[in-house]
């Protein structure tokens, strides 16, 4: 694909095309989106990666920090008391720190998900006193959540340095 002067080449990866079961299809799309958003944030220049690019205050590091919290809460049972605060990365965090923490959390979530075969069963997260959603609901919600914020990240990254694509 030809590049436009002053713009970086578009890097698109197609969505997954395989999956023999509902779980494989959902996990495939979730992993595709996870990889896409991590790649979108990885290599983003400082301080633009943490700079609000829109009036709402949304920034790349905040989006990925938030998704890390959602993964940890939904699949690993970690308690989040202030969801709004998850949209901000700590001042000392680098792009590499936030991306690394996200990937580590995804790896831990995948280890748990690898043992789940019944889509109607609750996610086996350790959160006493609070019922867990079904695996089907959790995967679908995480696809929606990650896809929504990946779209935000696409726009923010293009505003930062012209980078486009998945």
N, C-alpha and C. Protein backbone atom coordinates (compact mmCIF):
# COMPACT_ATOMS: atom_id res chain seq x y z
N UNK A 1 0.85 -1.17 0.00
CA UNK A 1 0.00 0.00 0.00
C UNK A 1 0.90 1.23 0.00
N UNK A 2 0.66 2.18 -0.88
CA UNK A 2 1.50 3.38 -0.91
C UNK A 2 1.29 4.22 0.34
N UNK A 3 2.35 4.92 0.73
CA UNK A 3 2.25 5.79 1.90
C UNK A 3 1.94 7.20 1.45
N UNK A 4 1.31 7.96 2.34
CA UNK A 4 1.04 9.36 2.09
C UNK A 4 2.20 10.15 2.66
N UNK A 5 2.62 11.17 1.96
CA UNK A 5 3.73 11.99 2.43
C UNK A 5 3.48 12.44 3.86
N UNK A 6 4.49 12.24 4.72
CA UNK A 6 4.38 12.67 6.11
C UNK A 6 3.64 11.68 7.00
N UNK A 7 3.20 10.58 6.44
CA UNK A 7 2.49 9.58 7.24
C UNK A 7 3.25 8.28 7.23
N UNK A 8 3.10 7.54 8.32
CA UNK A 8 3.74 6.24 8.39
C UNK A 8 2.90 5.20 7.66
N UNK A 9 3.57 4.17 7.19
CA UNK A 9 2.88 3.09 6.49
C UNK A 9 1.88 2.41 7.42
N UNK A 10 0.73 2.09 6.89
CA UNK A 10 -0.32 1.40 7.63
C UNK A 10 0.09 -0.04 7.87
N UNK A 11 -0.04 -0.50 9.10
CA UNK A 11 0.32 -1.87 9.47
C UNK A 11 -0.93 -2.61 9.91
N UNK A 12 -1.61 -3.25 9.00
CA UNK A 12 -2.83 -3.96 9.37
C UNK A 12 -2.58 -5.45 9.49
N UNK A 13 -3.11 -6.02 10.54
CA UNK A 13 -3.13 -7.46 10.73
C UNK A 13 -4.59 -7.87 10.70
N UNK A 14 -4.94 -8.85 9.88
CA UNK A 14 -6.35 -9.25 9.81
C UNK A 14 -6.80 -9.96 11.09
N UNK A 15 -8.10 -9.91 11.36
CA UNK A 15 -8.62 -10.64 12.52
C UNK A 15 -8.48 -12.14 12.31
N UNK A 16 -8.58 -12.92 13.38
CA UNK A 16 -8.44 -14.37 13.25
C UNK A 16 -9.54 -14.95 12.38
N UNK A 17 -9.20 -15.99 11.65
CA UNK A 17 -10.17 -16.61 10.75
C UNK A 17 -10.47 -18.06 11.11
N UNK A 18 -9.91 -18.53 12.20
CA UNK A 18 -10.12 -19.92 12.56
C UNK A 18 -10.73 -20.04 13.95
N UNK A 19 -11.16 -21.21 14.24
CA UNK A 19 -11.73 -21.51 15.54
C UNK A 19 -12.78 -22.58 15.36
N UNK A 20 -12.58 -23.70 16.01
CA UNK A 20 -13.52 -24.81 15.86
C UNK A 20 -14.60 -24.81 16.92
N UNK A 21 -14.48 -23.95 17.91
CA UNK A 21 -15.48 -23.91 18.97
C UNK A 21 -15.76 -22.46 19.33
N UNK A 22 -16.83 -22.27 20.06
CA UNK A 22 -17.17 -20.92 20.53
C UNK A 22 -16.03 -20.32 21.34
N UNK A 23 -15.46 -21.11 22.24
CA UNK A 23 -14.37 -20.62 23.08
C UNK A 23 -13.16 -20.22 22.24
N UNK A 24 -12.81 -21.02 21.24
CA UNK A 24 -11.65 -20.70 20.39
C UNK A 24 -11.88 -19.41 19.60
N UNK A 25 -13.10 -19.22 19.10
CA UNK A 25 -13.41 -18.00 18.35
C UNK A 25 -13.32 -16.78 19.26
N UNK A 26 -13.95 -16.86 20.43
CA UNK A 26 -13.93 -15.72 21.35
C UNK A 26 -12.52 -15.42 21.85
N UNK A 27 -11.79 -16.45 22.22
CA UNK A 27 -10.40 -16.25 22.68
C UNK A 27 -9.55 -15.70 21.55
N UNK A 28 -9.77 -16.17 20.34
CA UNK A 28 -9.00 -15.68 19.19
C UNK A 28 -9.21 -14.19 18.96
N UNK A 29 -10.47 -13.75 19.01
CA UNK A 29 -10.75 -12.33 18.80
C UNK A 29 -10.23 -11.49 19.97
N UNK A 30 -10.36 -12.00 21.19
CA UNK A 30 -9.84 -11.26 22.34
C UNK A 30 -8.33 -11.12 22.24
N UNK A 31 -7.63 -12.19 21.93
CA UNK A 31 -6.17 -12.11 21.82
C UNK A 31 -5.75 -11.18 20.68
N UNK A 32 -6.49 -11.19 19.59
CA UNK A 32 -6.22 -10.28 18.46
C UNK A 32 -6.32 -8.83 18.92
N UNK A 33 -7.38 -8.50 19.66
CA UNK A 33 -7.55 -7.13 20.15
C UNK A 33 -6.50 -6.77 21.19
N UNK A 34 -6.18 -7.70 22.06
CA UNK A 34 -5.14 -7.45 23.07
C UNK A 34 -3.82 -7.13 22.41
N UNK A 35 -3.45 -7.92 21.42
CA UNK A 35 -2.19 -7.69 20.70
C UNK A 35 -2.22 -6.35 19.99
N UNK A 36 -3.36 -6.03 19.39
CA UNK A 36 -3.49 -4.76 18.65
C UNK A 36 -3.30 -3.55 19.54
N UNK A 37 -3.95 -3.53 20.70
CA UNK A 37 -3.85 -2.34 21.54
C UNK A 37 -2.46 -2.23 22.18
N UNK A 38 -1.87 -3.36 22.55
CA UNK A 38 -0.51 -3.30 23.11
C UNK A 38 0.46 -2.76 22.07
N UNK A 39 0.32 -3.20 20.83
CA UNK A 39 1.19 -2.72 19.76
C UNK A 39 0.97 -1.23 19.48
N UNK A 40 -0.27 -0.79 19.64
CA UNK A 40 -0.59 0.62 19.39
C UNK A 40 0.08 1.52 20.43
N UNK A 41 0.17 1.05 21.67
CA UNK A 41 0.77 1.85 22.74
C UNK A 41 2.29 1.70 22.75
N UNK A 42 2.76 0.51 22.46
CA UNK A 42 4.21 0.23 22.48
C UNK A 42 4.93 1.17 21.50
N UNK A 43 5.98 1.77 21.97
CA UNK A 43 6.77 2.65 21.12
C UNK A 43 6.21 4.06 20.98
N UNK A 44 5.08 4.34 21.61
CA UNK A 44 4.55 5.71 21.56
C UNK A 44 5.51 6.62 22.32
N UNK A 45 5.75 7.79 21.78
CA UNK A 45 6.72 8.69 22.42
C UNK A 45 6.20 9.32 23.70
N UNK A 46 7.13 9.50 24.65
CA UNK A 46 6.83 10.25 25.87
C UNK A 46 7.09 11.73 25.55
N UNK A 47 6.41 12.65 26.10
CA UNK A 47 5.31 12.52 27.05
C UNK A 47 3.94 12.39 26.37
N UNK A 48 3.91 12.34 25.03
CA UNK A 48 2.63 12.29 24.33
C UNK A 48 1.78 11.09 24.71
N UNK A 49 2.40 9.96 25.05
CA UNK A 49 1.66 8.76 25.41
C UNK A 49 0.80 8.97 26.65
N UNK A 50 1.17 9.91 27.51
CA UNK A 50 0.39 10.17 28.72
C UNK A 50 -0.33 11.52 28.66
N UNK A 51 -0.18 12.21 27.55
CA UNK A 51 -0.81 13.52 27.39
C UNK A 51 -2.24 13.36 26.89
N UNK A 52 -3.15 14.08 27.51
CA UNK A 52 -4.55 14.06 27.06
C UNK A 52 -4.62 14.67 25.67
N UNK A 53 -5.15 13.91 24.74
CA UNK A 53 -5.24 14.38 23.35
C UNK A 53 -6.65 14.86 23.00
N UNK A 54 -7.59 14.64 23.92
CA UNK A 54 -8.98 15.03 23.72
C UNK A 54 -9.50 15.64 25.03
N UNK A 55 -10.58 16.42 24.96
CA UNK A 55 -11.08 17.09 26.17
C UNK A 55 -11.41 16.17 27.34
N UNK A 56 -11.75 14.92 27.08
CA UNK A 56 -12.10 14.00 28.17
C UNK A 56 -10.89 13.61 29.01
N UNK A 57 -9.68 13.89 28.52
CA UNK A 57 -8.47 13.53 29.26
C UNK A 57 -7.89 12.19 28.85
N UNK A 58 -8.50 11.53 27.90
CA UNK A 58 -8.05 10.20 27.47
C UNK A 58 -6.65 10.26 26.88
N UNK A 59 -5.82 9.29 27.29
CA UNK A 59 -4.47 9.18 26.76
C UNK A 59 -4.10 7.71 26.62
N UNK A 60 -3.08 7.41 25.84
CA UNK A 60 -2.71 6.03 25.55
C UNK A 60 -2.37 5.22 26.79
N UNK A 61 -1.53 5.76 27.65
CA UNK A 61 -1.14 5.00 28.84
C UNK A 61 -2.33 4.76 29.76
N UNK A 62 -3.20 5.73 29.88
CA UNK A 62 -4.39 5.56 30.71
C UNK A 62 -5.31 4.47 30.18
N UNK A 63 -5.48 4.41 28.86
CA UNK A 63 -6.32 3.36 28.28
C UNK A 63 -5.78 1.97 28.59
N UNK A 64 -4.46 1.79 28.40
CA UNK A 64 -3.89 0.47 28.63
C UNK A 64 -3.85 0.14 30.12
N UNK A 65 -3.62 1.13 30.94
CA UNK A 65 -3.66 0.92 32.39
C UNK A 65 -5.07 0.47 32.81
N UNK A 66 -6.09 1.11 32.25
CA UNK A 66 -7.48 0.73 32.54
C UNK A 66 -7.76 -0.70 32.11
N UNK A 67 -7.35 -1.07 30.89
CA UNK A 67 -7.59 -2.43 30.41
C UNK A 67 -6.87 -3.47 31.27
N UNK A 68 -5.72 -3.11 31.79
CA UNK A 68 -5.01 -4.01 32.71
C UNK A 68 -5.88 -4.26 33.94
N UNK A 69 -6.48 -3.21 34.46
CA UNK A 69 -7.35 -3.35 35.64
C UNK A 69 -8.60 -4.16 35.33
N UNK A 70 -9.18 -3.97 34.16
CA UNK A 70 -10.37 -4.73 33.80
C UNK A 70 -10.04 -6.22 33.69
N UNK A 71 -8.93 -6.55 33.01
CA UNK A 71 -8.49 -7.96 32.90
C UNK A 71 -8.28 -8.55 34.29
N UNK A 72 -7.58 -7.82 35.14
CA UNK A 72 -7.26 -8.32 36.48
C UNK A 72 -8.52 -8.51 37.32
N UNK A 73 -9.46 -7.62 37.19
CA UNK A 73 -10.71 -7.73 37.95
C UNK A 73 -11.58 -8.87 37.42
N UNK A 74 -11.81 -8.87 36.13
CA UNK A 74 -12.74 -9.82 35.54
C UNK A 74 -12.25 -11.26 35.60
N UNK A 75 -11.00 -11.47 35.26
CA UNK A 75 -10.50 -12.84 35.17
C UNK A 75 -9.72 -13.30 36.40
N UNK A 76 -9.09 -12.37 37.12
CA UNK A 76 -8.23 -12.76 38.24
C UNK A 76 -8.82 -12.43 39.60
N UNK A 77 -9.95 -11.75 39.62
CA UNK A 77 -10.64 -11.48 40.87
C UNK A 77 -10.08 -10.32 41.67
N UNK A 78 -9.19 -9.53 41.09
CA UNK A 78 -8.63 -8.38 41.82
C UNK A 78 -9.71 -7.32 42.00
N UNK A 79 -9.71 -6.70 43.17
CA UNK A 79 -10.72 -5.70 43.50
C UNK A 79 -10.28 -4.33 43.02
N UNK A 80 -11.18 -3.65 42.32
CA UNK A 80 -10.94 -2.27 41.89
C UNK A 80 -11.97 -1.40 42.59
N UNK A 81 -11.50 -0.44 43.36
CA UNK A 81 -12.42 0.40 44.12
C UNK A 81 -12.72 1.73 43.44
N UNK A 82 -11.86 2.14 42.51
CA UNK A 82 -12.06 3.42 41.82
C UNK A 82 -11.74 3.24 40.34
N UNK A 83 -12.77 2.91 39.57
CA UNK A 83 -12.54 2.65 38.14
C UNK A 83 -12.02 3.89 37.41
N UNK A 84 -12.48 5.06 37.79
CA UNK A 84 -12.02 6.28 37.11
C UNK A 84 -10.52 6.45 37.26
N UNK A 85 -9.99 6.10 38.42
CA UNK A 85 -8.55 6.22 38.65
C UNK A 85 -7.73 5.28 37.78
N UNK A 86 -8.33 4.21 37.28
CA UNK A 86 -7.58 3.27 36.44
C UNK A 86 -7.23 3.87 35.09
N UNK A 87 -7.84 4.97 34.73
CA UNK A 87 -7.54 5.62 33.44
C UNK A 87 -6.30 6.52 33.50
N UNK A 88 -5.57 6.45 34.59
CA UNK A 88 -4.33 7.23 34.72
C UNK A 88 -3.19 6.30 35.09
N UNK A 89 -2.09 6.44 34.38
CA UNK A 89 -0.88 5.69 34.73
C UNK A 89 -0.13 6.50 35.78
N UNK A 90 0.61 5.83 36.62
CA UNK A 90 1.42 6.51 37.63
C UNK A 90 2.46 7.39 36.95
N UNK A 91 2.78 8.54 37.53
CA UNK A 91 3.75 9.45 36.91
C UNK A 91 5.10 8.80 36.60
N UNK A 92 5.52 7.84 37.40
CA UNK A 92 6.82 7.19 37.18
C UNK A 92 6.77 6.09 36.11
N UNK A 93 5.56 5.66 35.73
CA UNK A 93 5.43 4.60 34.74
C UNK A 93 5.88 5.06 33.36
N UNK A 94 6.66 4.22 32.71
CA UNK A 94 7.04 4.47 31.32
C UNK A 94 6.09 3.71 30.41
N UNK A 95 6.17 3.99 29.12
CA UNK A 95 5.38 3.24 28.14
C UNK A 95 5.69 1.75 28.29
N UNK A 96 6.95 1.43 28.40
CA UNK A 96 7.38 0.04 28.54
C UNK A 96 6.81 -0.61 29.80
N UNK A 97 6.77 0.13 30.91
CA UNK A 97 6.20 -0.39 32.16
C UNK A 97 4.73 -0.76 31.98
N UNK A 98 3.96 0.14 31.40
CA UNK A 98 2.52 -0.06 31.26
C UNK A 98 2.23 -1.20 30.29
N UNK A 99 2.94 -1.24 29.17
CA UNK A 99 2.75 -2.33 28.20
C UNK A 99 3.16 -3.67 28.84
N UNK A 100 4.27 -3.69 29.55
CA UNK A 100 4.72 -4.91 30.20
C UNK A 100 3.74 -5.43 31.23
N UNK A 101 3.20 -4.52 32.04
CA UNK A 101 2.22 -4.90 33.07
C UNK A 101 0.95 -5.45 32.41
N UNK A 102 0.53 -4.82 31.30
CA UNK A 102 -0.65 -5.30 30.58
C UNK A 102 -0.41 -6.72 30.06
N UNK A 103 0.73 -6.92 29.42
CA UNK A 103 1.02 -8.25 28.86
C UNK A 103 1.14 -9.31 29.95
N UNK A 104 1.72 -8.96 31.08
CA UNK A 104 1.82 -9.91 32.20
C UNK A 104 0.43 -10.28 32.72
N UNK A 105 -0.44 -9.30 32.83
CA UNK A 105 -1.81 -9.55 33.30
C UNK A 105 -2.56 -10.42 32.30
N UNK A 106 -2.41 -10.13 31.02
CA UNK A 106 -3.04 -10.95 29.98
C UNK A 106 -2.52 -12.39 30.05
N UNK A 107 -1.22 -12.56 30.25
CA UNK A 107 -0.66 -13.92 30.37
C UNK A 107 -1.27 -14.66 31.56
N UNK A 108 -1.40 -13.97 32.69
CA UNK A 108 -2.00 -14.60 33.87
C UNK A 108 -3.46 -14.95 33.62
N UNK A 109 -4.19 -14.04 32.96
CA UNK A 109 -5.59 -14.31 32.64
C UNK A 109 -5.70 -15.50 31.69
N UNK A 110 -4.81 -15.57 30.70
CA UNK A 110 -4.85 -16.68 29.75
C UNK A 110 -4.55 -18.02 30.42
N UNK A 111 -3.66 -18.01 31.41
CA UNK A 111 -3.39 -19.25 32.15
C UNK A 111 -4.67 -19.75 32.81
N UNK A 112 -5.43 -18.84 33.41
CA UNK A 112 -6.69 -19.22 34.02
C UNK A 112 -7.68 -19.68 32.95
N UNK A 113 -7.79 -18.93 31.87
CA UNK A 113 -8.75 -19.24 30.82
C UNK A 113 -8.44 -20.56 30.12
N UNK A 114 -7.17 -20.93 30.06
CA UNK A 114 -6.80 -22.19 29.41
C UNK A 114 -7.45 -23.39 30.09
N UNK A 115 -7.76 -23.27 31.36
CA UNK A 115 -8.39 -24.37 32.09
C UNK A 115 -9.91 -24.35 32.04
N UNK A 116 -10.48 -23.38 31.37
CA UNK A 116 -11.94 -23.25 31.31
C UNK A 116 -12.47 -23.83 30.00
N UNK A 117 -13.39 -24.77 30.10
CA UNK A 117 -13.94 -25.38 28.89
C UNK A 117 -15.44 -25.16 28.75
N UNK A 118 -16.13 -24.92 29.84
CA UNK A 118 -17.58 -24.76 29.81
C UNK A 118 -17.93 -23.28 29.74
N UNK A 119 -18.47 -22.85 28.60
CA UNK A 119 -18.78 -21.44 28.40
C UNK A 119 -19.89 -20.94 29.34
N UNK A 120 -20.70 -21.84 29.86
CA UNK A 120 -21.79 -21.45 30.76
C UNK A 120 -21.37 -21.46 32.23
N UNK A 121 -20.17 -21.94 32.50
CA UNK A 121 -19.68 -21.99 33.89
C UNK A 121 -19.14 -20.62 34.30
N UNK A 122 -19.18 -20.32 35.59
CA UNK A 122 -18.62 -19.04 36.04
C UNK A 122 -17.09 -19.04 35.91
N UNK A 123 -16.57 -17.86 35.68
CA UNK A 123 -15.11 -17.69 35.64
C UNK A 123 -14.60 -18.04 37.04
N UNK A 124 -13.59 -18.91 37.14
CA UNK A 124 -13.12 -19.35 38.46
C UNK A 124 -12.15 -18.37 39.11
N UNK A 125 -12.63 -17.18 39.37
CA UNK A 125 -11.77 -16.16 39.99
C UNK A 125 -11.97 -16.16 41.50
N UNK A 126 -10.93 -15.86 42.21
CA UNK A 126 -11.02 -15.85 43.67
C UNK A 126 -11.55 -14.52 44.21
N UNK A 127 -12.85 -14.36 44.26
CA UNK A 127 -13.44 -13.13 44.79
C UNK A 127 -14.60 -13.50 45.70
N UNK A 128 -14.32 -13.71 46.97
CA UNK A 128 -15.36 -14.16 47.91
C UNK A 128 -16.53 -13.19 47.99
N UNK A 129 -17.73 -13.76 48.06
CA UNK A 129 -18.91 -12.95 48.27
C UNK A 129 -19.47 -12.28 47.03
N UNK A 130 -18.83 -12.43 45.91
CA UNK A 130 -19.31 -11.80 44.68
C UNK A 130 -19.39 -12.87 43.60
N UNK A 131 -20.55 -13.06 43.03
CA UNK A 131 -20.67 -14.10 42.00
C UNK A 131 -19.89 -13.72 40.74
N UNK A 132 -19.29 -14.71 40.15
CA UNK A 132 -18.52 -14.50 38.92
C UNK A 132 -19.44 -14.66 37.72
N UNK A 133 -19.20 -13.90 36.66
CA UNK A 133 -19.99 -14.07 35.44
C UNK A 133 -19.61 -15.37 34.73
N UNK A 134 -20.44 -15.77 33.79
CA UNK A 134 -20.09 -16.95 33.00
C UNK A 134 -18.88 -16.62 32.13
N UNK A 135 -18.18 -17.65 31.72
CA UNK A 135 -17.04 -17.47 30.82
C UNK A 135 -17.49 -16.81 29.52
N UNK A 136 -18.63 -17.21 28.99
CA UNK A 136 -19.16 -16.61 27.76
C UNK A 136 -19.33 -15.10 27.92
N UNK A 137 -19.97 -14.69 29.03
CA UNK A 137 -20.21 -13.26 29.26
C UNK A 137 -18.88 -12.53 29.43
N UNK A 138 -17.98 -13.12 30.22
CA UNK A 138 -16.70 -12.46 30.51
C UNK A 138 -15.88 -12.26 29.24
N UNK A 139 -15.81 -13.27 28.39
CA UNK A 139 -15.05 -13.13 27.15
C UNK A 139 -15.69 -12.10 26.23
N UNK A 140 -17.01 -12.15 26.11
CA UNK A 140 -17.72 -11.18 25.26
C UNK A 140 -17.53 -9.77 25.77
N UNK A 141 -17.65 -9.59 27.08
CA UNK A 141 -17.45 -8.25 27.65
C UNK A 141 -16.02 -7.77 27.43
N UNK A 142 -15.05 -8.65 27.61
CA UNK A 142 -13.65 -8.23 27.44
C UNK A 142 -13.35 -7.89 25.99
N UNK A 143 -13.97 -8.59 25.04
CA UNK A 143 -13.83 -8.24 23.62
C UNK A 143 -14.39 -6.85 23.38
N UNK A 144 -15.58 -6.59 23.92
CA UNK A 144 -16.21 -5.28 23.75
C UNK A 144 -15.36 -4.18 24.37
N UNK A 145 -14.91 -4.41 25.59
CA UNK A 145 -14.12 -3.40 26.32
C UNK A 145 -12.79 -3.12 25.61
N UNK A 146 -12.11 -4.18 25.20
CA UNK A 146 -10.81 -4.01 24.55
C UNK A 146 -10.99 -3.39 23.17
N UNK A 147 -12.00 -3.83 22.43
CA UNK A 147 -12.25 -3.26 21.10
C UNK A 147 -12.58 -1.78 21.16
N UNK A 148 -13.39 -1.40 22.12
CA UNK A 148 -13.77 0.01 22.27
C UNK A 148 -12.53 0.87 22.54
N UNK A 149 -11.71 0.43 23.48
CA UNK A 149 -10.53 1.23 23.82
C UNK A 149 -9.42 1.11 22.77
N UNK A 150 -9.38 0.01 22.04
CA UNK A 150 -8.42 -0.09 20.93
C UNK A 150 -8.76 0.94 19.86
N UNK A 151 -10.05 1.17 19.63
CA UNK A 151 -10.45 2.22 18.68
C UNK A 151 -10.03 3.60 19.15
N UNK A 152 -10.19 3.85 20.45
CA UNK A 152 -9.72 5.12 21.01
C UNK A 152 -8.21 5.25 20.80
N UNK A 153 -7.49 4.16 21.09
CA UNK A 153 -6.02 4.18 20.96
C UNK A 153 -5.60 4.42 19.51
N UNK A 154 -6.34 3.87 18.56
CA UNK A 154 -6.02 4.11 17.14
C UNK A 154 -6.02 5.60 16.83
N UNK A 155 -7.07 6.27 17.30
CA UNK A 155 -7.19 7.71 17.02
C UNK A 155 -6.11 8.49 17.75
N UNK A 156 -5.88 8.18 19.03
CA UNK A 156 -4.87 8.90 19.80
C UNK A 156 -3.48 8.73 19.19
N UNK A 157 -3.13 7.53 18.80
CA UNK A 157 -1.80 7.30 18.23
C UNK A 157 -1.64 8.04 16.91
N UNK A 158 -2.69 8.07 16.10
CA UNK A 158 -2.61 8.82 14.85
C UNK A 158 -2.43 10.32 15.13
N UNK A 159 -3.09 10.83 16.16
CA UNK A 159 -2.92 12.24 16.52
C UNK A 159 -1.49 12.52 17.01
N UNK A 160 -0.89 11.54 17.68
CA UNK A 160 0.45 11.73 18.22
C UNK A 160 1.51 11.75 17.14
N UNK A 161 1.53 10.73 16.31
CA UNK A 161 2.64 10.65 15.34
C UNK A 161 2.24 10.16 13.95
N UNK A 162 0.94 10.10 13.67
CA UNK A 162 0.49 9.70 12.35
C UNK A 162 0.43 8.20 12.13
N UNK A 163 0.80 7.42 13.13
CA UNK A 163 0.80 5.96 13.00
C UNK A 163 -0.63 5.45 12.89
N UNK A 164 -0.89 4.60 11.89
CA UNK A 164 -2.21 4.03 11.71
C UNK A 164 -2.10 2.52 11.53
N UNK A 165 -3.21 1.85 11.55
CA UNK A 165 -3.25 0.40 11.34
C UNK A 165 -3.31 -0.35 12.65
N UNK A 166 -3.52 -1.67 12.52
CA UNK A 166 -3.63 -2.51 13.71
C UNK A 166 -2.33 -3.18 13.99
